[in-house]
Amino acid sequence: MPNLDVNDTTLHYEDEGTGPALLFLHGWGTSGRTWGAQLPDFTRDHRVITVDWRGCGRSARPIRGNTTAGVVSDLVALIGALRLDRPVVIGSSIGGTFATELGLLRPELIAGVVPVGAPGYWPSTRTHAQAELVAALRRDRAGTVSGWVPGWYAPGTAPALIDWTVREILDSGVYIDEHQVAADGYDPRPMLPGLQVPIHYLHGELDTAIPVEVARTCAALTPGAAVSVIAGVGHMPHQELPDRFNAALRAGLARMDPGARATA
């Protein structure tokens, strides 16, 4: 298993394929395995990197560094260590927050950002709900995750997929809850007009965890941004209907860089 030591922790990553680089970031508590349905398609014509960010999956679970700044610092180190040539960064849920922050802080390192169901400012409008979630995780982690995760998916999603997601989260470290604590104070809207890299939002039509209006609001503030709404899916479109998601991602990549990334 390829591992990389960065910033006093160890990250697991996978690196396959050749071509323009894509760096995939998973959401809270899951792992790079959530992108399994994208790998066969995109490794045909891209260099594809998935990483388990700190505290999750097969990476280490340190008590420190479980902040957006900490994860972004890890990503900067990863991009340098793997000599990635300005990847497009695709991030699911809070992974979209990390991708956006990377674009804001280090635009010279990446070619674009694709947030997928990213929370944006939404948790900051629900301070009481965030506090209740954190308290519930500390009181009954298994029960809270088991009751929460099914709502991420559209009706009719295979129960086995939902159960697998629950197991992934329960297998990750407890210190990642700090991201939930901090979420109620995060609002990227004042910074988005200054984003210097292309951004294309992908969002599930049926996402009840993060309303699609959040993506539209953020896109309206960001020069050149666009939103693609994927029909029939919820918060995890890349897992729910991967063929539909992959087509939307390819279209978004082509829109950001039609000369280099328009392969079908």
Protein backbone atom coordinates (compact mmCIF):
# COMPACT_ATOMS: atom_id res chain seq x y z
CA MET A 1 0.00 0.00 0.00
CA PRO A 2 1.51 3.39 -0.94
CA ASN A 3 1.81 5.67 2.07
CA LEU A 4 3.26 9.14 2.43
CA ASP A 5 4.57 10.76 5.62
CA VAL A 6 3.55 14.43 5.77
CA ASN A 7 3.11 16.93 8.59
CA ASP A 8 3.62 14.37 11.38
CA THR A 9 1.07 11.93 9.99
CA THR A 10 0.85 9.17 7.38
CA LEU A 11 -1.53 9.31 4.43
CA HIS A 12 -2.61 6.38 2.28
CA TYR A 13 -3.02 7.15 -1.41
CA GLU A 14 -3.46 5.41 -4.74
CA ASP A 15 -1.94 6.70 -7.98
CA GLU A 16 -2.83 5.11 -11.32
CA GLY A 17 -3.11 6.04 -14.98
CA THR A 18 -1.42 8.65 -17.15
CA GLY A 19 -2.54 11.98 -18.54
CA PRO A 20 -3.88 15.17 -16.93
CA ALA A 21 -3.97 14.70 -13.17
CA LEU A 22 -7.16 14.36 -11.12
CA LEU A 23 -6.99 14.38 -7.31
CA PHE A 24 -10.12 12.93 -5.67
CA LEU A 25 -11.01 13.84 -2.07
CA HIS A 26 -13.63 11.87 -0.15
CA GLY A 27 -16.15 13.22 2.33
CA TRP A 28 -16.29 13.15 6.12
CA GLY A 29 -15.37 9.83 7.65
CA THR A 30 -15.21 7.76 4.46
CA SER A 31 -12.13 7.03 2.33
CA GLY A 32 -10.70 7.06 -1.16
CA ARG A 33 -12.58 3.81 -1.75
CA THR A 34 -15.74 5.87 -2.34
CA TRP A 35 -14.34 6.74 -5.78
CA GLY A 36 -14.10 3.11 -6.90
CA ALA A 37 -16.73 3.56 -9.62
CA GLN A 38 -14.74 6.43 -11.13
CA LEU A 39 -11.35 4.72 -11.37
CA PRO A 40 -11.96 2.39 -14.36
CA ASP A 41 -13.32 5.26 -16.43
CA PHE A 42 -10.92 8.07 -15.61
CA THR A 43 -7.66 6.09 -15.43
CA ARG A 44 -8.11 5.44 -19.17
CA ASP A 45 -6.97 8.96 -19.96
CA HIS A 46 -5.96 10.64 -16.70
CA ARG A 47 -3.51 10.22 -13.88
CA VAL A 48 -5.91 9.58 -10.99
CA ILE A 49 -4.92 10.03 -7.35
CA THR A 50 -7.19 9.17 -4.45
CA VAL A 51 -6.13 9.88 -0.89
CA ASP A 52 -7.51 9.00 2.52
CA TRP A 53 -7.15 12.29 4.33
CA ARG A 54 -5.91 12.27 7.93
CA GLY A 55 -8.13 10.43 10.39
CA CYS A 56 -9.92 8.40 7.73
CA GLY A 57 -9.69 5.09 5.91
CA ARG A 58 -6.21 3.61 5.79
CA SER A 59 -4.42 6.78 6.90
CA ALA A 60 -3.21 7.56 10.42
CA ARG A 61 -5.58 8.99 13.04
CA PRO A 62 -3.67 11.75 14.83
CA ILE A 63 -5.33 13.87 17.48
CA ARG A 64 -3.91 17.05 15.95
CA GLY A 65 -4.37 18.63 12.56
CA ASN A 66 -8.03 17.72 12.07
CA THR A 67 -8.88 21.12 10.67
CA THR A 68 -9.46 22.45 7.18
CA ALA A 69 -6.08 24.17 7.34
CA GLY A 70 -4.44 20.93 8.47
CA VAL A 71 -5.91 18.87 5.65
CA VAL A 72 -5.10 21.55 3.06
CA SER A 73 -1.51 21.60 4.30
CA ASP A 74 -1.40 17.81 3.86
CA LEU A 75 -2.70 18.17 0.31
CA VAL A 76 -0.06 20.76 -0.55
CA ALA A 77 2.60 18.33 0.69
CA LEU A 78 1.02 15.45 -1.24
CA ILE A 79 0.93 17.41 -4.50
CA GLY A 80 4.60 18.28 -4.06
CA ALA A 81 5.73 14.81 -3.05
CA LEU A 82 3.94 13.12 -5.97
CA ARG A 83 5.01 15.87 -8.37
CA LEU A 84 1.48 16.39 -9.57
CA ASP A 85 1.27 18.83 -12.44
CA ARG A 86 -1.61 21.14 -11.49
CA PRO A 87 -4.33 18.55 -10.89
CA VAL A 88 -8.02 19.27 -10.98
CA VAL A 89 -9.25 18.55 -7.45
CA ILE A 90 -12.62 16.81 -7.10
CA GLY A 91 -14.02 16.82 -3.58
CA SER A 92 -17.13 15.15 -2.17
CA SER A 93 -18.97 16.98 0.62
CA ILE A 94 -16.36 18.42 3.01
CA GLY A 95 -13.77 17.23 0.49
CA GLY A 96 -15.22 19.99 -1.70
CA THR A 97 -14.47 22.47 1.07
CA PHE A 98 -10.86 21.28 1.19
CA ALA A 99 -10.59 21.53 -2.61
CA THR A 100 -12.02 25.05 -2.64
CA GLU A 101 -9.74 26.20 0.17
CA LEU A 102 -6.76 24.75 -1.69
CA GLY A 103 -7.78 26.78 -4.73
CA LEU A 104 -8.14 29.93 -2.66
CA LEU A 105 -4.84 29.54 -0.81
CA ARG A 106 -2.57 27.93 -3.43
CA PRO A 107 -4.07 28.52 -6.89
CA GLU A 108 -0.70 28.00 -8.57
CA LEU A 109 -0.76 24.32 -7.54
CA ILE A 110 -4.02 23.25 -9.18
CA ALA A 111 -5.88 23.61 -12.48
CA GLY A 112 -9.42 23.67 -11.13
CA VAL A 113 -11.90 22.58 -8.48
CA VAL A 114 -15.00 20.39 -8.71
CA PRO A 115 -16.99 20.41 -5.45
CA VAL A 116 -19.53 17.57 -5.27
CA GLY A 117 -22.36 18.24 -2.85
CA ALA A 118 -20.05 20.59 -0.96
CA PRO A 119 -21.49 22.09 2.24
CA GLY A 120 -20.26 25.63 1.57
CA TYR A 121 -21.84 27.97 4.10
CA TRP A 122 -24.78 25.66 4.92
CA PRO A 123 -23.64 24.32 8.32
CA SER A 124 -23.00 27.90 9.50
CA THR A 125 -26.73 28.57 9.09
CA ARG A 126 -27.59 25.61 11.33
CA THR A 127 -25.48 26.18 14.44
CA HIS A 128 -27.88 24.42 16.80
CA ALA A 129 -28.16 21.37 14.52
CA GLN A 130 -24.37 21.13 14.25
CA ALA A 131 -23.99 21.26 18.02
CA GLU A 132 -26.62 18.55 18.42
CA LEU A 133 -24.85 16.37 15.86
CA VAL A 134 -21.51 16.65 17.64
CA ALA A 135 -23.11 15.87 21.00
CA ALA A 136 -24.91 12.86 19.53
CA LEU A 137 -21.70 11.52 17.97
CA ARG A 138 -19.99 11.68 21.34
CA ARG A 139 -22.93 10.08 23.14
CA ASP A 140 -23.82 7.29 20.67
CA ARG A 141 -21.53 7.24 17.66
CA ALA A 142 -22.83 4.05 16.05
CA GLY A 143 -26.48 4.92 16.50
CA THR A 144 -26.01 8.49 15.29
CA VAL A 145 -24.11 7.51 12.15
CA SER A 146 -26.55 4.68 11.38
CA GLY A 147 -29.48 7.07 11.63
CA TRP A 148 -27.85 9.94 9.74
CA VAL A 149 -26.17 8.32 6.73
CA PRO A 150 -29.31 6.89 5.03
CA GLY A 151 -30.47 10.46 4.47
CA TRP A 152 -27.41 11.14 2.35
CA TYR A 153 -28.74 8.84 -0.36
CA ALA A 154 -31.72 9.09 -2.69
CA PRO A 155 -34.71 6.81 -2.10
CA GLY A 156 -34.16 3.37 -3.58
CA THR A 157 -30.41 3.26 -2.95
CA ALA A 158 -29.17 -0.25 -2.23
CA PRO A 159 -29.09 -0.87 1.54
CA ALA A 160 -25.70 -2.56 1.15
CA LEU A 161 -24.17 0.71 -0.08
CA ILE A 162 -25.60 2.63 2.87
CA ASP A 163 -24.40 -0.02 5.32
CA TRP A 164 -20.92 0.07 3.78
CA THR A 165 -20.77 3.85 4.19
CA VAL A 166 -21.76 3.52 7.85
CA ARG A 167 -19.00 0.98 8.40
CA GLU A 168 -16.43 3.22 6.73
CA ILE A 169 -17.31 6.11 9.01
CA LEU A 170 -17.29 3.97 12.14
CA ASP A 171 -13.89 2.61 11.13
CA SER A 172 -12.42 6.11 10.92
CA GLY A 173 -11.02 8.04 13.86
CA VAL A 174 -13.07 10.01 16.35
CA TYR A 175 -10.88 13.09 16.08
CA ILE A 176 -12.37 13.95 12.69
CA ASP A 177 -15.42 15.20 14.61
CA GLU A 178 -13.49 18.46 14.94
CA HIS A 179 -14.51 19.18 11.36
CA GLN A 180 -18.15 19.06 12.42
CA VAL A 181 -17.41 21.36 15.36
CA ALA A 182 -15.77 23.93 13.08
CA ALA A 183 -18.32 23.71 10.28
CA ASP A 184 -20.82 26.03 11.95
CA GLY A 185 -18.28 28.86 11.68
CA TYR A 186 -17.23 28.33 8.07
CA ASP A 187 -18.53 30.58 5.30
CA PRO A 188 -16.54 30.82 2.04
CA ARG A 189 -18.84 33.36 0.38
CA PRO A 190 -16.73 36.46 1.09
CA MET A 191 -13.67 34.78 -0.48
CA LEU A 192 -15.25 33.21 -3.57
CA PRO A 193 -15.14 36.35 -5.78
CA GLY A 194 -11.35 36.16 -5.51
CA LEU A 195 -10.99 32.51 -6.53
CA GLN A 196 -8.34 32.35 -9.27
CA VAL A 197 -8.90 28.83 -10.58
CA PRO A 198 -11.86 27.45 -12.56
CA ILE A 199 -14.60 25.85 -10.48
CA HIS A 200 -17.54 23.70 -11.54
CA TYR A 201 -20.08 22.57 -8.96
CA LEU A 202 -21.73 19.16 -9.22
CA HIS A 203 -24.77 18.58 -7.03
CA GLY A 204 -27.37 15.87 -6.66
CA GLU A 205 -30.91 16.91 -7.50
CA LEU A 206 -32.25 15.05 -4.45
CA ASP A 207 -29.54 16.06 -1.97
CA THR A 208 -31.29 16.71 1.34
CA ALA A 209 -28.05 16.98 3.34
CA ILE A 210 -26.92 20.09 1.43
CA PRO A 211 -29.57 21.88 -0.66
CA VAL A 212 -28.65 22.47 -4.28
CA GLU A 213 -29.29 26.17 -3.70
CA VAL A 214 -26.03 26.27 -1.73
CA ALA A 215 -24.06 25.35 -4.85
CA ARG A 216 -26.01 27.87 -6.94
CA THR A 217 -25.41 30.64 -4.42
CA CYS A 218 -21.68 29.92 -4.26
CA ALA A 219 -21.41 29.69 -8.05
CA ALA A 220 -23.15 33.06 -8.46
CA LEU A 221 -20.42 34.65 -6.35
CA THR A 222 -17.52 33.04 -8.23
CA PRO A 223 -16.33 34.39 -11.59
CA GLY A 224 -16.89 31.88 -14.40
CA ALA A 225 -18.40 29.23 -12.14
CA ALA A 226 -21.20 26.89 -13.21
CA VAL A 227 -23.42 24.27 -11.57
CA SER A 228 -24.44 20.92 -13.00
CA VAL A 229 -27.37 19.29 -11.20
CA ILE A 230 -27.37 15.50 -11.52
CA ALA A 231 -30.87 14.07 -11.72
CA GLY A 232 -32.06 11.23 -9.53
CA VAL A 233 -29.27 11.29 -6.94
CA GLY A 234 -28.67 12.61 -3.45
CA HIS A 235 -25.54 13.63 -1.58
CA MET A 236 -23.31 10.84 -2.95
CA PRO A 237 -23.93 10.94 -6.72
CA HIS A 238 -20.60 9.30 -7.59
CA GLN A 239 -21.75 6.18 -5.76
CA GLU A 240 -25.49 6.29 -6.43
CA LEU A 241 -25.45 6.60 -10.24
CA PRO A 242 -21.79 6.48 -11.25
CA ASP A 243 -22.33 6.50 -15.02
CA ARG A 244 -24.42 9.65 -14.77
CA PHE A 245 -21.93 11.23 -12.40
CA ASN A 246 -18.93 10.34 -14.57
CA ALA A 247 -20.57 11.93 -17.60
CA ALA A 248 -21.29 15.10 -15.61
CA LEU A 249 -17.73 15.21 -14.31
CA ARG A 250 -16.28 14.80 -17.80
CA ALA A 251 -18.49 17.62 -19.04
CA GLY A 252 -17.37 19.82 -16.16
CA LEU A 253 -13.71 19.07 -16.80
CA ALA A 254 -14.12 19.87 -20.48
CA ARG A 255 -15.79 23.17 -19.60
CA MET A 256 -12.85 24.16 -17.41
CA ASP A 257 -10.17 23.09 -19.91
CA PRO A 258 -11.69 22.06 -23.26
CA GLY A 259 -8.34 21.59 -24.99
CA ALA A 260 -6.80 19.13 -22.52
CA ARG A 261 -9.72 17.35 -20.88
CA ALA A 262 -12.46 16.85 -23.44
CA THR A 263 -11.81 13.16 -24.07
CA ALA A 264 -14.94 11.04 -23.94
